[in-house]
Amino acid sequence: MKKNSAETPQVDRGVMYHIGLKKGDVAPYILMCGDPGRVEKVARLFDSSKKPVRHREYVTVTGKYKGIPVSVMATGMGCDNTEIAVVELSQIVDNPAFIRIGTSGAYSKRVKNGDLVITTGSVRLENTSTYFVCDGYPAIANYEIVLALLSAAERTGTAYHLGITSTAPGFYGAQGRDTPFFHPRFKDIPDQLAKMNVLNNEMEASTLFTLATLAGFRAGMVCAIIAERHKNRFISKKGLATVEDHCIRTGLEAFVTLAKMDKKKKNGSYWLPRMGI
């Protein structure tokens, strides 16, 4: 893959225009989140870390977790910010692996506040990805990362679900929320998606999965459930802190497992159960 092309803006000496990072600043295992405050919570769990890099809304910390080189980046909310992050990271990191650690609302009645959802694929309700692929192109998570997340969730002991997520291009109208001045065209979006066995909704994953698949990278996601949409019930402040911590630790532990899986593989191969971890 050609890197640092003329159409990828740079500030100076290979520093990416939006994320403010250059080659060597970012580890190959990358956690992604929307909230900059979550970066600090992740970095506290690192064995060691470098000084945060802040540029525009992007905040990045690189360090080590249980000896594994890991970076965590906050992108801000939305698929447009995610697109910029993935495109620019691809210019400075060889073969990156991404795990999004996000917050999410549940559409399925069997998914409760405080649970985790590990995503196998996302419904592409956003249009950022359509500038790269056709409407029918699937947004799927990498199977190795899904397995690593499942293993990590088992170890952390958190209630979790495995299944399909939807990715919306906004928080209010795109998710069927009716407000005093703004009324969505499709108020029944949550019910319709729940009938399709879509477990939850968030605002970044389908673009992340699509771009990763296009480039041959690996990507996955684990979300903390903080709202039950069918009851219009949000999680408590204490519950939010707990499930956010579970989500962060699941993402970090998944990279520990993924690193072990990668060591078992030969060049260009896929991990198989017979290889062990």
Protein backbone atom coordinates (compact mmCIF):
# COMPACT_ATOMS: atom_id res chain seq x y z
CA MET A 1 0.00 0.00 0.00
CA LYS A 2 1.35 3.40 -0.96
CA LYS A 3 1.82 5.62 2.08
CA ASN A 4 1.97 9.38 2.55
CA SER A 5 0.45 10.10 -0.84
CA ALA A 6 0.15 13.66 -2.11
CA GLU A 7 -3.56 13.65 -1.27
CA THR A 8 -3.02 12.93 2.44
CA PRO A 9 -2.40 16.35 4.06
CA GLN A 10 0.59 16.61 6.38
CA VAL A 11 1.63 19.40 8.71
CA ASP A 12 5.39 18.83 8.63
CA ARG A 13 7.79 15.87 8.38
CA GLY A 14 5.06 13.27 8.02
CA VAL A 15 2.81 14.60 10.80
CA MET A 16 -0.78 13.86 9.87
CA TYR A 17 -2.94 16.95 9.37
CA HIS A 18 -5.83 16.19 11.73
CA ILE A 19 -4.54 13.69 14.29
CA GLY A 20 -1.16 15.38 14.81
CA LEU A 21 0.80 12.12 14.76
CA LYS A 22 3.67 10.72 12.73
CA LYS A 23 5.19 7.31 12.09
CA GLY A 24 6.46 5.81 15.35
CA ASP A 25 3.96 7.66 17.53
CA VAL A 26 1.28 4.97 17.46
CA ALA A 27 1.34 1.27 18.39
CA PRO A 28 -0.06 -1.39 16.02
CA TYR A 29 -2.84 -2.24 18.51
CA ILE A 30 -5.17 0.74 18.72
CA LEU A 31 -8.17 1.32 20.98
CA MET A 32 -10.60 3.92 19.66
CA CYS A 33 -13.28 5.83 21.56
CA GLY A 34 -15.33 8.96 21.15
CA ASP A 35 -14.87 10.60 24.55
CA PRO A 36 -11.46 12.22 25.22
CA GLY A 37 -12.03 11.58 28.93
CA ARG A 38 -12.01 7.86 28.26
CA VAL A 39 -8.43 8.09 26.96
CA GLU A 40 -7.26 9.14 30.43
CA LYS A 41 -9.14 6.22 32.01
CA VAL A 42 -7.45 3.79 29.62
CA ALA A 43 -3.99 5.29 30.07
CA ARG A 44 -4.22 4.85 33.85
CA LEU A 45 -4.22 1.10 33.26
CA PHE A 46 -1.08 1.14 31.11
CA ASP A 47 2.19 -0.18 32.55
CA SER A 48 3.87 2.90 31.10
CA SER A 49 2.81 5.62 28.69
CA LYS A 50 4.01 8.60 26.72
CA LYS A 51 2.67 12.13 27.01
CA PRO A 52 -0.77 12.59 25.40
CA VAL A 53 -0.84 14.07 21.91
CA ARG A 54 -3.75 16.51 21.49
CA HIS A 55 -4.66 17.95 18.11
CA ARG A 56 -8.10 19.32 17.30
CA GLU A 57 -10.58 16.87 18.90
CA TYR A 58 -8.16 13.95 18.64
CA VAL A 59 -6.37 12.81 21.81
CA THR A 60 -3.89 9.93 21.67
CA VAL A 61 -1.81 8.13 24.29
CA THR A 62 0.65 5.35 23.46
CA GLY A 63 2.06 2.96 26.03
CA LYS A 64 2.23 -0.66 27.09
CA TYR A 65 -0.36 -2.89 28.73
CA LYS A 66 0.95 -6.17 30.15
CA GLY A 67 3.94 -5.74 27.87
CA ILE A 68 1.83 -5.23 24.73
CA PRO A 69 2.33 -1.97 22.78
CA VAL A 70 -1.06 -0.25 22.70
CA SER A 71 -2.37 3.18 21.72
CA VAL A 72 -5.72 4.71 22.63
CA MET A 73 -7.25 7.48 20.54
CA ALA A 74 -10.33 9.61 21.14
CA THR A 75 -11.84 10.69 17.84
CA GLY A 76 -14.88 12.60 19.02
CA MET A 77 -18.35 11.48 17.97
CA GLY A 78 -19.42 10.38 14.51
CA CYS A 79 -18.36 8.48 11.43
CA ASP A 80 -16.77 11.51 9.78
CA ASN A 81 -14.23 11.81 12.60
CA THR A 82 -13.65 8.06 12.51
CA GLU A 83 -12.95 8.18 8.78
CA ILE A 84 -10.27 10.83 9.25
CA ALA A 85 -8.64 8.86 12.06
CA VAL A 86 -8.52 5.56 10.16
CA VAL A 87 -7.28 7.12 6.92
CA GLU A 88 -4.50 9.07 8.63
CA LEU A 89 -3.49 6.26 10.98
CA SER A 90 -3.16 3.97 7.96
CA GLN A 91 -0.43 6.26 6.64
CA ILE A 92 1.76 5.99 9.73
CA VAL A 93 1.06 2.52 11.21
CA ASP A 94 1.87 -0.75 9.46
CA ASN A 95 -1.03 -3.20 9.56
CA PRO A 96 -2.95 -1.64 12.47
CA ALA A 97 -5.59 -3.53 14.46
CA PHE A 98 -8.48 -1.47 15.84
CA ILE A 99 -10.87 -2.10 18.72
CA ARG A 100 -13.53 0.49 19.37
CA ILE A 101 -14.56 0.77 23.04
CA GLY A 102 -17.79 2.71 22.93
CA THR A 103 -21.01 3.50 24.73
CA SER A 104 -24.28 2.44 23.19
CA GLY A 105 -28.03 2.21 23.51
CA ALA A 106 -29.80 -1.15 23.45
CA TYR A 107 -32.58 -1.84 20.94
CA SER A 108 -33.06 -5.48 21.91
CA LYS A 109 -35.14 -6.07 25.05
CA ARG A 110 -32.76 -8.81 26.18
CA VAL A 111 -29.84 -6.37 26.38
CA LYS A 112 -29.77 -4.48 29.67
CA ASN A 113 -28.00 -1.43 31.05
CA GLY A 114 -24.60 -2.47 32.34
CA ASP A 115 -24.15 -5.24 29.76
CA LEU A 116 -21.54 -5.35 27.01
CA VAL A 117 -22.22 -5.98 23.33
CA ILE A 118 -19.48 -7.49 21.16
CA THR A 119 -20.30 -6.66 17.56
CA THR A 120 -20.04 -9.09 14.65
CA GLY A 121 -21.19 -6.53 12.08
CA SER A 122 -22.99 -3.22 11.80
CA VAL A 123 -25.95 -1.95 9.75
CA ARG A 124 -24.64 0.95 7.69
CA LEU A 125 -27.22 3.68 8.35
CA GLU A 126 -24.55 6.36 7.94
CA ASN A 127 -23.36 7.64 4.57
CA THR A 128 -19.64 8.29 5.24
CA SER A 129 -18.75 4.78 4.13
CA THR A 130 -20.82 5.10 0.93
CA TYR A 131 -18.17 7.39 -0.51
CA PHE A 132 -15.89 4.34 -0.60
CA VAL A 133 -18.21 1.38 -1.23
CA CYS A 134 -21.65 0.54 -2.61
CA ASP A 135 -24.75 0.45 -0.41
CA GLY A 136 -24.78 -3.35 -0.13
CA TYR A 137 -21.17 -3.63 1.06
CA PRO A 138 -21.07 -5.36 4.48
CA ALA A 139 -19.57 -3.73 7.56
CA ILE A 140 -18.14 -6.71 9.42
CA ALA A 141 -15.81 -7.16 12.37
CA ASN A 142 -12.67 -9.24 12.03
CA TYR A 143 -13.17 -12.75 13.40
CA GLU A 144 -9.86 -12.80 15.30
CA ILE A 145 -10.77 -9.64 17.18
CA VAL A 146 -14.28 -10.93 17.86
CA LEU A 147 -12.80 -14.10 19.37
CA ALA A 148 -10.29 -12.08 21.40
CA LEU A 149 -13.10 -9.86 22.74
CA LEU A 150 -15.22 -12.89 23.65
CA SER A 151 -12.28 -14.42 25.51
CA ALA A 152 -11.62 -11.13 27.32
CA ALA A 153 -15.27 -10.69 28.31
CA GLU A 154 -15.30 -14.21 29.74
CA ARG A 155 -12.22 -13.42 31.84
CA THR A 156 -13.61 -10.14 33.14
CA GLY A 157 -16.88 -11.83 34.11
CA THR A 158 -19.13 -9.14 32.63
CA ALA A 159 -22.52 -10.00 31.14
CA TYR A 160 -22.17 -9.72 27.37
CA HIS A 161 -24.02 -10.34 24.11
CA LEU A 162 -22.76 -11.12 20.62
CA GLY A 163 -24.50 -9.85 17.53
CA ILE A 164 -25.38 -7.10 15.08
CA THR A 165 -25.14 -3.37 15.83
CA SER A 166 -26.45 -0.41 13.83
CA THR A 167 -24.47 2.75 13.17
CA ALA A 168 -26.46 5.97 12.95
CA PRO A 169 -25.24 9.29 11.45
CA GLY A 170 -26.65 11.31 14.35
CA PHE A 171 -28.05 11.11 17.88
CA TYR A 172 -31.54 12.60 17.57
CA GLY A 173 -33.35 12.31 14.23
CA ALA A 174 -31.26 9.40 13.00
CA GLN A 175 -32.16 7.43 16.11
CA GLY A 176 -35.87 8.32 16.09
CA ARG A 177 -35.75 10.73 19.03
CA ASP A 178 -38.59 13.27 19.08
CA THR A 179 -37.77 16.68 20.59
CA PRO A 180 -39.85 19.87 21.02
CA PHE A 181 -38.58 21.62 17.90
CA PHE A 182 -37.28 18.73 15.81
CA HIS A 183 -39.38 15.74 14.78
CA PRO A 184 -37.79 12.71 13.09
CA ARG A 185 -39.26 11.38 9.87
CA PHE A 186 -38.92 7.79 11.12
CA LYS A 187 -39.84 7.54 14.80
CA ASP A 188 -39.99 3.75 14.74
CA ILE A 189 -36.34 3.17 13.82
CA PRO A 190 -35.50 1.48 17.16
CA ASP A 191 -38.50 -0.88 16.92
CA GLN A 192 -37.81 -1.75 13.29
CA LEU A 193 -34.15 -2.56 14.00
CA ALA A 194 -35.05 -4.57 17.11
CA LYS A 195 -37.34 -6.72 14.93
CA MET A 196 -34.30 -7.40 12.73
CA ASN A 197 -32.45 -8.68 15.83
CA VAL A 198 -30.16 -5.65 15.91
CA LEU A 199 -28.90 -5.53 19.50
CA ASN A 200 -27.76 -1.95 19.86
CA ASN A 201 -26.93 1.32 18.16
CA GLU A 202 -23.91 3.62 18.13
CA MET A 203 -22.34 6.16 15.77
CA GLU A 204 -18.94 4.99 14.47
CA ALA A 205 -18.54 1.26 13.90
CA SER A 206 -19.77 0.70 10.36
CA THR A 207 -17.32 3.21 8.92
CA LEU A 208 -14.48 1.71 10.99
CA PHE A 209 -15.33 -1.84 9.85
CA THR A 210 -15.78 -0.85 6.21
CA LEU A 211 -12.50 1.03 5.94
CA ALA A 212 -10.61 -1.68 7.80
CA THR A 213 -11.96 -4.35 5.46
CA LEU A 214 -11.06 -2.26 2.41
CA ALA A 215 -7.47 -1.90 3.58
CA GLY A 216 -7.06 -5.47 4.85
CA PHE A 217 -6.82 -4.34 8.48
CA ARG A 218 -8.54 -5.92 11.48
CA ALA A 219 -11.23 -4.12 13.45
CA GLY A 220 -13.78 -4.94 16.11
CA MET A 221 -15.88 -3.32 18.78
CA VAL A 222 -17.17 -3.81 22.30
CA CYS A 223 -19.80 -1.41 23.61
CA ALA A 224 -21.00 -0.58 27.09
CA ILE A 225 -24.80 -0.44 27.20
CA ILE A 226 -25.88 2.77 28.92
CA ALA A 227 -29.49 3.10 27.69
CA GLU A 228 -32.45 0.78 27.13
CA ARG A 229 -34.29 2.48 24.28
CA HIS A 230 -37.51 0.47 24.55
CA LYS A 231 -37.91 1.77 28.11
CA ASN A 232 -36.28 5.15 27.47
CA ARG A 233 -34.15 4.41 30.52
CA PHE A 234 -30.58 5.56 30.95
CA ILE A 235 -28.04 4.00 33.27
CA SER A 236 -27.17 5.51 36.66
CA LYS A 237 -23.97 7.50 37.13
CA LYS A 238 -22.49 4.69 39.23
CA GLY A 239 -23.56 2.08 36.70
CA LEU A 240 -22.00 4.10 33.89
CA ALA A 241 -18.62 4.21 35.64
CA THR A 242 -18.73 0.46 36.24
CA VAL A 243 -19.68 -0.65 32.74
CA GLU A 244 -17.29 1.83 31.14
CA ASP A 245 -14.47 0.28 33.17
CA HIS A 246 -15.58 -3.22 32.11
CA CYS A 247 -15.60 -2.12 28.49
CA ILE A 248 -12.12 -0.60 28.70
CA ARG A 249 -10.64 -3.66 30.40
CA THR A 250 -12.29 -5.98 27.90
CA GLY A 251 -10.72 -4.04 25.03
CA LEU A 252 -7.29 -4.07 26.61
CA GLU A 253 -7.44 -7.76 27.51
CA ALA A 254 -8.57 -8.54 23.96
CA PHE A 255 -5.32 -7.07 22.65
CA VAL A 256 -3.36 -9.27 25.05
CA THR A 257 -5.13 -12.28 23.56
CA LEU A 258 -4.76 -11.00 19.99
CA ALA A 259 -1.01 -10.53 20.48
CA LYS A 260 -0.75 -14.15 21.61
CA MET A 261 -2.78 -15.27 18.60
CA ASP A 262 -0.52 -13.26 16.29
CA LYS A 263 2.59 -14.96 17.69
CA LYS A 264 1.10 -18.36 16.82
CA LYS A 265 0.50 -17.48 13.19
CA LYS A 266 2.90 -17.82 10.30
CA ASN A 267 3.30 -14.92 7.90
CA GLY A 268 0.07 -14.25 6.07
CA SER A 269 -1.86 -16.97 7.89
CA TYR A 270 -5.06 -16.87 9.90
CA TRP A 271 -5.39 -17.94 13.50
CA LEU A 272 -7.05 -21.34 13.98
CA PRO A 273 -8.15 -22.97 17.26
CA ARG A 274 -5.62 -25.79 16.80
CA MET A 275 -2.83 -23.19 17.15
CA GLY A 276 -3.77 -22.46 20.77
CA ILE A 277 -3.17 -19.17 22.55
